[in-house]
Amino acid sequence: MSRVPAQLPLGVGLRDDATFENYYTSAANAALVQALVSQIASQGEPYLFLWGSSGSGKSHLLQAACHAASDHDKRALYLPLADLGHFPPLMLEEIERLDVVMIDDLECVVGRKRWEEGLFHAFNRLRDAGKCLVIAANAAPRQLPVVLPDLASRLTWGVTFHIHPLDDDERLGALKLRAKSRGMQLPNDVGRYILHRGPRELSELCRALETLDQASLSAKRKLTIPFVKQALGW
């Protein structure tokens, strides 16, 4: 069996760096990460629902679960509805042939009859086939304005986790972890400067780290506050 995660013919793939090892797990989010790991290992709940604000790490976790599924010789599919919701839900047909399905950005198709019906039937087929499903959205199931009552009911069947935002110390830890994964040494003072002067969302900060990585390799310089100012123009 191929160890490459199943991907859509629409060109939606997985980020190489979206792994559990690259995800900074705070104490408040430890249970949900363990639930995902257990699910992929066929030792946990078959259906999970994750919700949190933009930048909370939902997409990272879903893609990390797909990578982990591949490591367990399982076929996984990541469906970011923010990118795919404007298409008809044809990619849901025969989705139960996969082992693991990760549906992201559910709020983007809520209220659309065709999508809600497609998701309802896909949910049932995955459940009947004993496959794994994770759905992520920006709000808890009961807070989403789902029109189809049967789908609204299904969304509450699994274990729901709120992804708690990181505090400033945890954000620094996350930034240092991501820097370490790129082979970079990020001193605390430099990390705090980046957090103070940079964008609020952690995904944007990680992109800034990519720029710094390239700049430091090119200039053969370590990360210092003056170098960060020069490289990022902050």
Protein backbone atom coordinates (compact mmCIF):
# COMPACT_ATOMS: atom_id res chain seq x y z
CA MET A 1 0.00 0.00 0.00
CA SER A 2 1.24 3.47 -0.84
CA ARG A 3 2.43 5.54 2.12
CA VAL A 4 1.58 8.78 0.34
CA PRO A 5 -1.59 10.39 1.76
CA ALA A 6 -4.50 10.38 -0.65
CA GLN A 7 -4.86 13.74 -2.34
CA LEU A 8 -7.58 15.37 -4.39
CA PRO A 9 -7.20 15.70 -8.15
CA LEU A 10 -7.79 19.41 -7.52
CA GLY A 11 -4.21 19.81 -6.31
CA VAL A 12 -4.93 20.08 -2.58
CA GLY A 13 -2.02 18.52 -0.72
CA LEU A 14 -0.43 18.57 2.71
CA ARG A 15 2.25 20.87 4.04
CA ASP A 16 5.40 18.90 4.75
CA ASP A 17 5.92 20.77 8.02
CA ALA A 18 2.39 20.15 9.33
CA THR A 19 3.25 17.31 11.70
CA PHE A 20 2.52 16.47 15.31
CA GLU A 21 6.22 16.94 16.05
CA ASN A 22 6.00 20.53 14.78
CA TYR A 23 2.85 21.33 16.78
CA TYR A 24 3.41 23.04 20.11
CA THR A 25 1.11 21.20 22.51
CA SER A 26 0.07 23.34 25.46
CA ALA A 27 -1.34 21.71 28.59
CA ALA A 28 -4.83 22.92 27.64
CA ASN A 29 -4.65 21.20 24.22
CA ALA A 30 -2.86 18.00 25.24
CA ALA A 31 -6.06 15.92 25.44
CA LEU A 32 -7.19 16.77 21.91
CA VAL A 33 -3.76 15.98 20.43
CA GLN A 34 -3.75 12.65 22.23
CA ALA A 35 -7.27 11.96 20.94
CA LEU A 36 -6.07 12.49 17.36
CA VAL A 37 -3.01 10.29 17.86
CA SER A 38 -5.16 7.55 19.41
CA GLN A 39 -7.71 7.76 16.62
CA ILE A 40 -5.08 7.28 13.94
CA ALA A 41 -3.71 4.29 15.86
CA SER A 42 -7.24 2.79 15.86
CA GLN A 43 -7.42 3.11 19.64
CA GLY A 44 -9.65 6.14 20.04
CA GLU A 45 -12.95 7.68 19.03
CA PRO A 46 -13.81 7.29 15.33
CA TYR A 47 -15.30 10.79 15.10
CA LEU A 48 -13.88 14.01 16.56
CA PHE A 49 -14.92 17.63 16.19
CA LEU A 50 -12.36 20.41 16.71
CA TRP A 51 -13.20 24.07 16.90
CA GLY A 52 -11.25 27.24 17.48
CA SER A 53 -10.57 30.71 16.16
CA SER A 54 -8.52 31.52 13.09
CA GLY A 55 -4.86 30.77 13.67
CA SER A 56 -5.50 28.30 16.49
CA GLY A 57 -3.85 25.44 14.62
CA LYS A 58 -6.86 23.48 13.34
CA SER A 59 -5.48 23.03 9.84
CA HIS A 60 -2.05 22.05 11.15
CA LEU A 61 -3.55 19.33 13.35
CA LEU A 62 -5.75 17.89 10.61
CA GLN A 63 -2.84 17.74 8.18
CA ALA A 64 -0.60 16.27 10.89
CA ALA A 65 -3.18 13.53 11.40
CA CYS A 66 -3.09 12.78 7.67
CA HIS A 67 0.69 12.44 7.76
CA ALA A 68 0.42 10.17 10.81
CA ALA A 69 -2.21 8.07 9.05
CA SER A 70 0.19 7.56 6.15
CA ASP A 71 2.82 6.38 8.62
CA HIS A 72 0.26 3.78 9.78
CA ASP A 73 -0.31 2.65 6.18
CA LYS A 74 -3.74 4.24 6.08
CA ARG A 75 -5.21 6.25 3.24
CA ALA A 76 -6.11 9.76 4.39
CA LEU A 77 -7.75 12.74 2.76
CA TYR A 78 -7.64 16.40 3.81
CA LEU A 79 -10.56 18.55 2.61
CA PRO A 80 -10.16 22.30 3.29
CA LEU A 81 -13.63 23.61 2.48
CA ALA A 82 -12.39 27.20 2.45
CA ASP A 83 -10.66 26.20 -0.80
CA LEU A 84 -13.07 23.55 -2.07
CA GLY A 85 -16.48 24.77 -0.93
CA HIS A 86 -17.19 26.59 -4.18
CA PHE A 87 -17.10 23.24 -6.01
CA PRO A 88 -20.02 20.78 -5.90
CA PRO A 89 -19.45 18.18 -3.15
CA LEU A 90 -18.57 15.46 -5.64
CA MET A 91 -15.35 14.66 -3.75
CA LEU A 92 -17.53 13.18 -0.99
CA GLU A 93 -18.72 10.35 -3.22
CA GLU A 94 -17.35 6.94 -2.16
CA ILE A 95 -15.29 8.69 0.51
CA GLU A 96 -15.81 5.67 2.76
CA ARG A 97 -13.17 3.84 0.71
CA LEU A 98 -10.57 5.90 2.57
CA ASP A 99 -9.44 5.14 6.12
CA VAL A 100 -9.20 8.67 7.50
CA VAL A 101 -11.04 11.82 6.41
CA MET A 102 -10.19 15.29 7.72
CA ILE A 103 -12.74 18.01 6.88
CA ASP A 104 -11.57 21.55 7.58
CA ASP A 105 -13.43 24.90 7.53
CA LEU A 106 -16.92 23.41 7.90
CA GLU A 107 -18.37 26.90 8.43
CA CYS A 108 -17.67 27.71 4.78
CA VAL A 109 -20.44 25.40 3.51
CA VAL A 110 -22.94 25.59 6.36
CA GLY A 111 -26.36 26.64 5.10
CA ARG A 112 -25.80 25.30 1.58
CA LYS A 113 -28.30 22.50 0.94
CA ARG A 114 -26.24 20.42 -1.46
CA TRP A 115 -23.19 20.46 0.77
CA GLU A 116 -25.11 19.78 3.96
CA GLU A 117 -26.85 16.80 2.38
CA GLY A 118 -23.56 15.52 0.96
CA LEU A 119 -21.86 15.79 4.33
CA PHE A 120 -24.75 14.05 6.08
CA HIS A 121 -24.62 11.06 3.75
CA ALA A 122 -20.80 10.96 3.83
CA PHE A 123 -20.92 10.96 7.64
CA ASN A 124 -23.28 7.98 7.62
CA ARG A 125 -21.23 6.00 5.12
CA LEU A 126 -17.98 6.61 7.01
CA ARG A 127 -19.61 5.58 10.28
CA ASP A 128 -21.13 2.41 8.78
CA ALA A 129 -17.77 1.48 7.25
CA GLY A 130 -15.97 2.01 10.58
CA LYS A 131 -13.69 4.72 9.21
CA CYS A 132 -12.20 7.74 11.01
CA LEU A 133 -13.54 11.27 10.61
CA VAL A 134 -12.42 14.61 12.03
CA ILE A 135 -14.29 17.83 11.34
CA ALA A 136 -12.96 21.29 12.21
CA ALA A 137 -14.76 24.63 12.28
CA ASN A 138 -14.58 28.08 13.85
CA ALA A 139 -17.41 27.32 16.29
CA ALA A 140 -18.78 24.41 18.31
CA PRO A 141 -21.35 22.16 16.57
CA ARG A 142 -24.37 23.63 18.35
CA GLN A 143 -23.22 27.16 17.51
CA LEU A 144 -23.05 26.59 13.76
CA PRO A 145 -26.15 27.67 11.79
CA VAL A 146 -26.64 24.23 10.20
CA VAL A 147 -29.97 24.05 8.33
CA LEU A 148 -30.32 20.28 7.89
CA PRO A 149 -31.47 18.90 11.28
CA ASP A 150 -30.02 15.44 10.65
CA LEU A 151 -26.57 16.89 9.93
CA ALA A 152 -26.77 19.15 12.98
CA SER A 153 -27.49 16.05 15.07
CA ARG A 154 -24.63 14.05 13.56
CA LEU A 155 -22.11 16.81 14.27
CA THR A 156 -22.74 16.43 18.02
CA TRP A 157 -22.25 12.65 18.08
CA GLY A 158 -18.49 12.60 18.56
CA VAL A 159 -16.12 14.05 21.13
CA THR A 160 -15.80 17.82 20.75
CA PHE A 161 -12.60 19.69 21.60
CA HIS A 162 -12.04 23.43 21.83
CA ILE A 163 -8.55 24.39 20.67
CA HIS A 164 -7.43 26.86 23.29
CA PRO A 165 -5.34 29.83 22.12
CA LEU A 166 -1.75 30.02 23.32
CA ASP A 167 -0.61 32.61 25.84
CA ASP A 168 2.50 34.68 25.14
CA ASP A 169 4.93 32.24 26.77
CA GLU A 170 3.38 29.35 24.82
CA ARG A 171 3.53 31.33 21.60
CA LEU A 172 7.25 31.83 22.23
CA GLY A 173 7.61 28.10 22.82
CA ALA A 174 5.78 27.37 19.57
CA LEU A 175 8.01 29.77 17.66
CA LYS A 176 11.17 28.24 19.13
CA LEU A 177 9.93 24.75 18.27
CA ARG A 178 9.28 25.75 14.66
CA ALA A 179 12.70 27.44 14.45
CA LYS A 180 14.38 24.31 15.84
CA SER A 181 12.67 22.17 13.22
CA ARG A 182 14.33 24.37 10.59
CA GLY A 183 17.73 24.01 12.25
CA MET A 184 17.66 27.57 13.63
CA GLN A 185 18.65 28.78 17.09
CA LEU A 186 16.10 31.35 18.26
CA PRO A 187 17.22 33.19 21.41
CA ASN A 188 14.44 34.21 23.79
CA ASP A 189 15.03 37.93 23.30
CA VAL A 190 14.82 37.58 19.52
CA GLY A 191 11.72 35.44 19.79
CA ARG A 192 9.98 37.95 22.02
CA TYR A 193 10.92 40.75 19.63
CA ILE A 194 9.35 38.82 16.74
CA LEU A 195 6.20 38.19 18.77
CA HIS A 196 5.98 41.85 19.79
CA ARG A 197 6.64 43.36 16.36
CA GLY A 198 5.24 40.69 14.05
CA PRO A 199 1.70 39.66 13.02
CA ARG A 200 -0.58 38.15 15.63
CA GLU A 201 -1.34 34.88 13.85
CA LEU A 202 1.20 32.14 14.48
CA SER A 203 1.02 30.95 10.86
CA GLU A 204 2.20 34.38 9.69
CA LEU A 205 5.00 34.34 12.26
CA CYS A 206 6.11 30.94 10.96
CA ARG A 207 6.26 32.38 7.46
CA ALA A 208 8.47 35.13 8.84
CA LEU A 209 10.74 32.40 10.22
CA GLU A 210 11.04 30.96 6.72
CA THR A 211 12.23 34.36 5.48
CA LEU A 212 14.69 34.62 8.34
CA ASP A 213 15.99 31.11 7.67
CA GLN A 214 16.74 31.94 4.06
CA ALA A 215 18.26 35.30 4.96
CA SER A 216 20.48 33.88 7.70
CA LEU A 217 21.73 31.10 5.43
CA SER A 218 22.50 33.59 2.68
CA ALA A 219 24.24 36.05 5.00
CA LYS A 220 25.74 33.32 7.21
CA ARG A 221 24.58 35.18 10.29
CA LYS A 222 22.91 34.11 13.52
CA LEU A 223 19.52 35.45 14.53
CA THR A 224 19.86 38.70 16.45
CA ILE A 225 17.42 41.56 16.88
CA PRO A 226 19.39 43.87 14.53
CA PHE A 227 19.49 41.12 11.90
CA VAL A 228 15.75 40.47 12.25
CA LYS A 229 15.08 44.20 11.82
CA GLN A 230 17.18 44.24 8.68
CA ALA A 231 15.79 41.02 7.18
CA LEU A 232 12.12 41.67 7.89
CA GLY A 233 12.07 45.44 7.81
CA TRP A 234 10.47 45.68 11.26
